[in-house]
Protein backbone atom coordinates (compact mmCIF):
# COMPACT_ATOMS: atom_id res chain seq x y z
CA UNK A 1 -49.04 248.63 144.06
CA UNK A 2 -46.76 247.24 141.17
CA UNK A 3 -44.41 245.98 143.97
CA UNK A 4 -47.44 243.93 145.55
CA UNK A 5 -48.36 242.63 141.97
CA UNK A 6 -44.84 241.52 141.50
CA UNK A 7 -44.71 239.94 144.77
CA UNK A 8 -48.00 237.78 144.23
CA UNK A 9 -46.47 236.64 141.29
CA UNK A 10 -43.22 235.64 142.59
CA UNK A 11 -45.33 233.50 145.40
CA UNK A 12 -47.08 231.98 142.80
CA UNK A 13 -44.26 230.31 141.09
CA UNK A 14 -43.15 229.08 144.54
CA UNK A 15 -46.44 226.97 144.81
CA UNK A 16 -45.91 223.71 143.28
CA UNK A 17 -49.41 223.06 142.42
CA UNK A 18 -49.81 226.18 140.34
CA UNK A 19 -46.46 225.41 138.72
CA UNK A 20 -47.58 221.96 137.98
CA UNK A 21 -50.78 222.90 136.43
CA UNK A 22 -49.41 225.91 134.34
CA UNK A 23 -46.83 223.26 133.14
CA UNK A 24 -49.75 220.91 132.15
CA UNK A 25 -51.47 223.42 130.31
CA UNK A 26 -48.26 224.43 128.12
CA UNK A 27 -47.31 220.91 127.83
CA UNK A 28 -50.78 219.83 126.39
CA UNK A 29 -50.73 222.80 124.01
CA UNK A 30 -47.12 222.03 122.99
CA UNK A 31 -48.07 218.36 122.14
CA UNK A 32 -51.57 219.09 120.65
CA UNK A 33 -50.58 217.70 117.50
CA UNK A 34 -49.24 214.59 118.78
CA UNK A 35 -52.50 214.04 120.99
CA UNK A 36 -54.53 214.59 118.21
CA UNK A 37 -52.78 212.11 116.20
CA UNK A 38 -53.00 209.49 119.06
CA UNK A 39 -56.52 209.75 119.49
CA UNK A 40 -57.69 209.90 115.84
CA UNK A 41 -55.11 207.05 115.05
CA UNK A 42 -56.83 205.19 118.17
CA UNK A 43 -60.73 205.89 117.18
CA UNK A 44 -60.42 206.45 113.53
CA UNK A 45 -57.60 204.75 111.82
CA UNK A 46 -59.03 205.30 108.37
CA UNK A 47 -58.18 209.00 108.98
CA UNK A 48 -54.64 208.23 107.77
CA UNK A 49 -55.53 205.76 105.16
CA UNK A 50 -54.50 202.84 107.54
CA UNK A 51 -56.79 199.76 107.28
CA UNK A 52 -54.67 197.02 108.19
CA UNK A 53 -56.22 193.40 107.57
CA UNK A 54 -58.59 191.33 109.63
CA UNK A 55 -60.03 187.81 109.28
CA UNK A 56 -63.77 187.95 109.60
CA UNK A 57 -66.37 184.98 109.63
CA UNK A 58 -69.60 185.58 107.89
CA UNK A 59 -72.96 184.29 109.07
CA UNK A 60 -76.41 183.90 107.19
CA UNK A 61 -77.37 184.98 103.66
CA UNK A 62 -73.52 185.06 102.44
CA UNK A 63 -72.45 187.35 99.69
CA UNK A 64 -69.16 185.43 99.50
CA UNK A 65 -68.23 181.88 98.62
CA UNK A 66 -67.20 180.76 102.27
CA UNK A 67 -69.70 181.25 104.97
CA UNK A 68 -70.12 179.55 108.36
CA UNK A 69 -73.05 178.80 110.70
CA UNK A 70 -73.22 180.81 113.66
CA UNK A 71 -72.11 178.12 116.09
CA UNK A 72 -68.86 177.46 114.10
CA UNK A 73 -68.07 181.13 113.54
CA UNK A 74 -68.51 181.85 117.39
CA UNK A 75 -66.12 179.30 118.10
CA UNK A 76 -63.61 180.47 115.70
CA UNK A 77 -64.30 183.96 117.32
CA UNK A 78 -63.72 182.66 120.92
CA UNK A 79 -60.72 180.79 119.92
CA UNK A 80 -58.97 183.72 118.00
CA UNK A 81 -58.93 182.47 114.68
CA UNK A 82 -61.13 185.29 113.37
CA UNK A 83 -60.90 188.72 114.70
CA UNK A 84 -64.78 189.50 113.84
CA UNK A 85 -68.07 187.89 113.08
CA UNK A 86 -70.58 189.32 110.67
CA UNK A 87 -74.01 187.94 110.87
CA UNK A 88 -76.49 188.92 107.93
CA UNK A 89 -79.92 188.73 108.55
CA UNK A 90 -82.81 189.38 105.95
CA UNK A 91 -86.04 191.24 106.97
CA UNK A 92 -88.36 192.02 104.53
CA UNK A 93 -86.15 192.08 101.81
CA UNK A 94 -83.73 194.31 103.56
CA UNK A 95 -80.33 193.21 104.98
CA UNK A 96 -79.06 193.72 108.13
CA UNK A 97 -75.50 193.20 109.20
CA UNK A 98 -74.25 192.91 113.06
CA UNK A 99 -70.70 192.81 113.79
CA UNK A 100 -69.06 191.15 116.87
CA UNK A 101 -65.52 192.56 117.49
CA UNK A 102 -62.99 192.03 120.39
CA UNK A 103 -63.42 193.68 123.67
CA UNK A 104 -59.96 195.51 123.09
CA UNK A 105 -60.77 198.95 121.68
CA UNK A 106 -57.42 199.39 119.68
CA UNK A 107 -58.16 195.90 117.79
CA UNK A 108 -61.90 196.55 117.80
CA UNK A 109 -60.96 199.98 115.82
CA UNK A 110 -58.78 198.32 113.57
CA UNK A 111 -61.29 195.56 112.67
CA UNK A 112 -64.35 198.03 112.49
CA UNK A 113 -62.21 200.14 109.88
CA UNK A 114 -61.43 197.03 108.04
CA UNK A 115 -64.97 196.00 107.72
CA UNK A 116 -66.14 199.24 106.97
CA UNK A 117 -63.90 199.42 103.90
CA UNK A 118 -65.02 195.98 102.84
CA UNK A 119 -68.60 196.94 103.05
CA UNK A 120 -68.31 200.23 101.27
CA UNK A 121 -66.37 198.65 98.43
CA UNK A 122 -69.18 195.78 98.19
CA UNK A 123 -71.96 198.76 98.26
CA UNK A 124 -69.95 200.42 95.14
CA UNK A 125 -69.92 197.30 93.19
CA UNK A 126 -73.74 196.51 93.85
CA UNK A 127 -74.41 200.00 92.77
CA UNK A 128 -72.38 199.40 89.64
CA UNK A 129 -74.17 196.04 88.87
CA UNK A 130 -77.41 197.79 89.46
CA UNK A 131 -76.88 200.92 87.87
CA UNK A 132 -77.32 202.84 90.66
CA UNK A 133 -75.39 206.08 90.58
CA UNK A 134 -72.54 206.72 93.26
CA UNK A 135 -72.79 209.90 95.35
CA UNK A 136 -69.41 211.34 94.40
CA UNK A 137 -68.53 214.31 96.84
CA UNK A 138 -65.55 216.39 96.13
CA UNK A 139 -63.97 219.45 97.80
CA UNK A 140 -62.67 222.20 96.12
CA UNK A 141 -60.30 225.28 97.55
CA UNK A 142 -58.77 227.92 95.55
CA UNK A 143 -59.88 226.19 92.24
CA UNK A 144 -58.00 223.09 92.99
CA UNK A 145 -59.53 219.73 94.58
CA UNK A 146 -58.63 218.78 98.09
CA UNK A 147 -58.60 215.30 99.33
CA UNK A 148 -59.84 215.36 102.74
CA UNK A 149 -59.58 211.99 105.11
CA UNK A 150 -62.71 210.79 106.19
CA UNK A 151 -61.57 211.67 109.86
CA UNK A 152 -61.02 215.31 109.10
CA UNK A 153 -64.30 216.66 110.91
CA UNK A 154 -63.13 214.51 114.22
CA UNK A 155 -59.91 216.31 114.33
CA UNK A 156 -61.69 219.86 113.87
CA UNK A 157 -64.08 218.72 116.78
CA UNK A 158 -61.50 217.74 118.93
CA UNK A 159 -59.26 220.86 118.61
CA UNK A 160 -61.98 223.55 118.40
CA UNK A 161 -64.64 222.02 120.73
CA UNK A 162 -62.92 220.23 123.19
CA UNK A 163 -58.96 221.36 123.46
CA UNK A 164 -59.14 225.25 123.13
CA UNK A 165 -62.33 225.47 125.12
CA UNK A 166 -60.86 223.52 128.09
CA UNK A 167 -57.57 225.40 127.68
CA UNK A 168 -59.27 228.51 128.10
CA UNK A 169 -61.25 227.37 131.14
CA UNK A 170 -58.16 225.82 133.00
CA UNK A 171 -56.35 228.93 132.44
CA UNK A 172 -59.05 230.87 134.38
CA UNK A 173 -59.76 228.60 137.00
CA UNK A 174 -55.99 228.50 137.86
CA UNK A 175 -55.86 232.35 137.71
CA UNK A 176 -58.84 232.26 140.13
CA UNK A 177 -57.35 229.91 142.41
CA UNK A 178 -54.28 232.00 142.46
CA UNK A 179 -56.61 235.01 143.70
CA UNK A 180 -58.17 233.21 146.42
CA UNK A 181 -54.86 231.96 147.97
CA UNK A 182 -53.12 235.10 147.50
CA UNK A 183 -56.03 236.99 149.45
CA UNK A 184 -56.53 234.10 152.17
CA UNK A 185 -52.84 233.85 152.69
CA UNK A 186 -52.55 237.74 153.49
CA UNK A 187 -55.53 237.43 155.73
CA UNK A 188 -54.42 234.35 157.72
CA UNK A 189 -50.73 235.27 157.91
CA UNK A 190 -51.38 238.67 159.49
CA UNK A 191 -49.79 240.48 156.77
CA UNK A 192 -52.74 242.07 155.60
CA UNK A 193 -52.62 244.51 158.66
CA UNK A 194 -49.15 245.55 157.60
CA UNK A 195 -50.42 246.07 154.03
CA UNK A 196 -53.34 248.23 155.41
CA UNK A 197 -50.75 250.39 157.39
CA UNK A 198 -48.90 251.33 154.28
CA UNK A 199 -50.11 254.44 152.36
CA UNK A 200 -51.90 251.86 149.75
CA UNK A 201 -55.69 252.14 150.14
CA UNK A 202 -57.78 249.21 150.68
CA UNK A 203 -59.03 249.55 147.25
CA UNK A 204 -55.90 249.62 145.44
CA UNK A 205 -54.69 246.41 147.69
CA UNK A 206 -57.58 244.74 146.32
CA UNK A 207 -56.77 245.84 142.54
CA UNK A 208 -53.27 244.55 142.74
CA UNK A 209 -54.66 241.11 144.31
CA UNK A 210 -56.70 240.91 141.06
CA UNK A 211 -54.42 242.29 138.71
CA UNK A 212 -51.60 239.72 139.37
CA UNK A 213 -53.68 236.70 138.23
CA UNK A 214 -54.94 238.62 135.02
CA UNK A 215 -51.80 239.48 134.21
CA UNK A 216 -50.83 235.69 134.71
CA UNK A 217 -53.57 234.30 132.75
CA UNK A 218 -52.92 236.76 129.69
CA UNK A 219 -49.78 235.53 129.70
CA UNK A 220 -50.66 231.80 129.77
CA UNK A 221 -53.14 232.35 127.28
CA UNK A 222 -50.91 234.02 124.84
CA UNK A 223 -48.42 231.14 125.44
CA UNK A 224 -50.91 228.35 124.59
CA UNK A 225 -51.97 230.19 121.73
CA UNK A 226 -48.46 230.60 120.15
CA UNK A 227 -47.72 226.91 121.02
CA UNK A 228 -51.00 225.86 119.34
CA UNK A 229 -49.99 227.77 115.99
CA UNK A 230 -46.52 226.22 116.12
CA UNK A 231 -48.21 222.94 115.99
CA UNK A 232 -50.29 224.11 113.23
CA UNK A 233 -53.50 224.42 114.68
CA UNK A 234 -55.00 227.34 112.50
CA UNK A 235 -56.11 230.06 114.77
CA UNK A 236 -58.35 232.14 112.40
CA UNK A 237 -58.96 234.88 114.72
CA UNK A 238 -56.13 235.01 117.43
CA UNK A 239 -56.91 238.52 118.78
CA UNK A 240 -60.81 237.64 119.37
CA UNK A 241 -59.70 234.13 120.86
CA UNK A 242 -57.38 235.78 123.09
CA UNK A 243 -59.74 238.34 124.18
CA UNK A 244 -62.50 236.03 124.79
CA UNK A 245 -60.24 233.91 126.97
CA UNK A 246 -59.27 236.84 128.94
CA UNK A 247 -63.03 237.81 129.64
CA UNK A 248 -63.29 234.20 130.88
CA UNK A 249 -60.21 234.48 133.25
CA UNK A 250 -61.75 237.94 134.44
CA UNK A 251 -65.04 236.78 135.49
CA UNK A 252 -63.60 233.72 137.33
CA UNK A 253 -60.87 236.11 138.95
CA UNK A 254 -63.71 238.13 140.26
CA UNK A 255 -65.64 235.40 141.80
CA UNK A 256 -62.53 234.29 143.48
CA UNK A 257 -61.80 237.41 144.99
CA UNK A 258 -65.49 237.64 146.20
CA UNK A 259 -65.24 234.45 147.80
CA UNK A 260 -61.92 234.89 149.46
CA UNK A 261 -62.75 238.34 150.61
CA UNK A 262 -66.01 237.16 152.16
CA UNK A 263 -64.98 234.05 153.86
CA UNK A 264 -61.31 234.82 154.75
CA UNK A 265 -60.73 231.25 155.05
CA UNK A 266 -58.90 229.17 152.20
CA UNK A 267 -60.36 225.73 152.38
CA UNK A 268 -63.95 227.42 152.51
CA UNK A 269 -63.42 229.43 149.52
CA UNK A 270 -61.61 227.16 147.60
CA UNK A 271 -64.41 224.55 148.39
CA UNK A 272 -67.37 226.74 147.26
CA UNK A 273 -65.17 227.90 144.10
CA UNK A 274 -64.73 224.31 143.09
CA UNK A 275 -68.50 223.39 143.39
CA UNK A 276 -69.23 226.47 141.35
CA UNK A 277 -66.79 225.91 138.90
CA UNK A 278 -67.37 222.21 138.40
CA UNK A 279 -71.00 222.81 138.23
CA UNK A 280 -70.68 225.33 135.61
CA UNK A 281 -68.15 223.44 133.42
CA UNK A 282 -70.85 221.46 131.43
CA UNK A 283 -72.65 224.62 130.56
CA UNK A 284 -69.49 226.47 129.62
CA UNK A 285 -68.66 223.76 127.04
CA UNK A 286 -71.78 222.57 125.66
CA UNK A 287 -73.94 225.61 125.07
CA UNK A 288 -73.71 227.31 121.73
CA UNK A 289 -73.48 230.64 123.16
CA UNK A 290 -71.54 229.86 126.03
CA UNK A 291 -68.18 231.92 126.53
CA UNK A 292 -65.82 228.79 126.23
CA UNK A 293 -67.52 227.56 123.18
CA UNK A 294 -67.46 230.99 121.56
CA UNK A 295 -63.59 230.85 122.27
CA UNK A 296 -63.39 227.64 120.07
CA UNK A 297 -65.56 229.15 117.45
CA UNK A 298 -63.54 232.35 117.04
CA UNK A 299 -60.48 230.13 116.67
CA UNK A 300 -61.71 228.08 114.03
CA UNK A 301 -63.04 231.40 112.25
CA UNK A 302 -66.83 230.73 112.82
CA UNK A 303 -69.68 233.06 113.49
CA UNK A 304 -70.05 234.07 117.20
CA UNK A 305 -73.22 235.83 118.64
CA UNK A 306 -71.73 239.38 119.04
CA UNK A 307 -74.55 240.52 121.57
CA UNK A 308 -73.73 237.63 123.76
CA UNK A 309 -69.97 238.09 123.49
CA UNK A 310 -70.24 241.78 124.14
CA UNK A 311 -72.78 241.28 127.06
CA UNK A 312 -70.12 238.67 128.72
CA UNK A 313 -67.27 240.89 128.16
CA UNK A 314 -68.82 243.70 129.84
CA UNK A 315 -70.32 241.73 132.56
CA UNK A 316 -66.86 239.82 133.42
CA UNK A 317 -64.82 243.32 133.52
CA UNK A 318 -67.49 245.13 135.24
CA UNK A 319 -67.84 242.39 137.86
CA UNK A 320 -63.87 242.34 138.12
CA UNK A 321 -63.81 246.30 138.56
CA UNK A 322 -66.57 246.53 141.26
CA UNK A 323 -65.57 243.35 143.07
CA UNK A 324 -63.18 245.36 145.24
CA UNK A 325 -66.24 247.75 146.09
CA UNK A 326 -68.58 244.64 146.53
CA UNK A 327 -66.43 242.86 149.20
CA UNK A 328 -63.63 244.89 150.92
CA UNK A 329 -60.70 243.59 152.44
CA UNK A 330 -60.40 244.45 155.90
């Protein structure tokens, strides 16, 4: 049985598709800090205190000395002489500001960050002039005041709500695909008959076919957790994060085994599994109590639903254990 497991793992590393996906998972986890930095710098430049400077034309009831009419401002904007146009309108004593920015996302992000900074400073001056107190929110940790950049919540959401759940799901899907390929290759190549003629029982052969992808998924999960930690991503509860990721892999591997043993054809089994996996992906990453979201919450140190986590864990491993009995390899 152990020889069969080792054989499946060796064959997996000969498959370029699986090797490429594993490399991609490891690569993304390995440069997670760079990816996060790039995305935040692109969509939220003020996270690093970077605002730059932009030329802005103001139209309407002006609160500065030099204002433009709308036609002149639009001509300057289209000619590239100003980077943005602020149109100020007064409705029932309330001033509304519309901002026109370039289509280029990077330039637009820079301009919006700069305009936001100017409007915030203007608001603070108005509050001081009219005696309205400013809302000063300060964060303390360990008795010391912490200076948190304005984009900190964006970084947190990206890492714990997107990156980590997707890494766990991708690992599980790859393990399930490995299961389908391994079983269907044995069936279609005729080597299954040779295995059945050995002292190994069909049940042990089936268990070996699910053991190798589970060993693979556990190793890859541990690897990307270590790489995230090396990139200074705080994993508050690594054991629980690892366990939940393995439970997800067990669930997908069980489904992959059932489809491969049932259809006995690689293309049909992979197609059906892909449809089910793609259909379940939105539920796995958006619902509060979904397994993938629980992985991210566990990594962040947040509370999870213990009853839901326990129920899913039992269901996943029960399905994995009984799948060789539900659909036998013949």
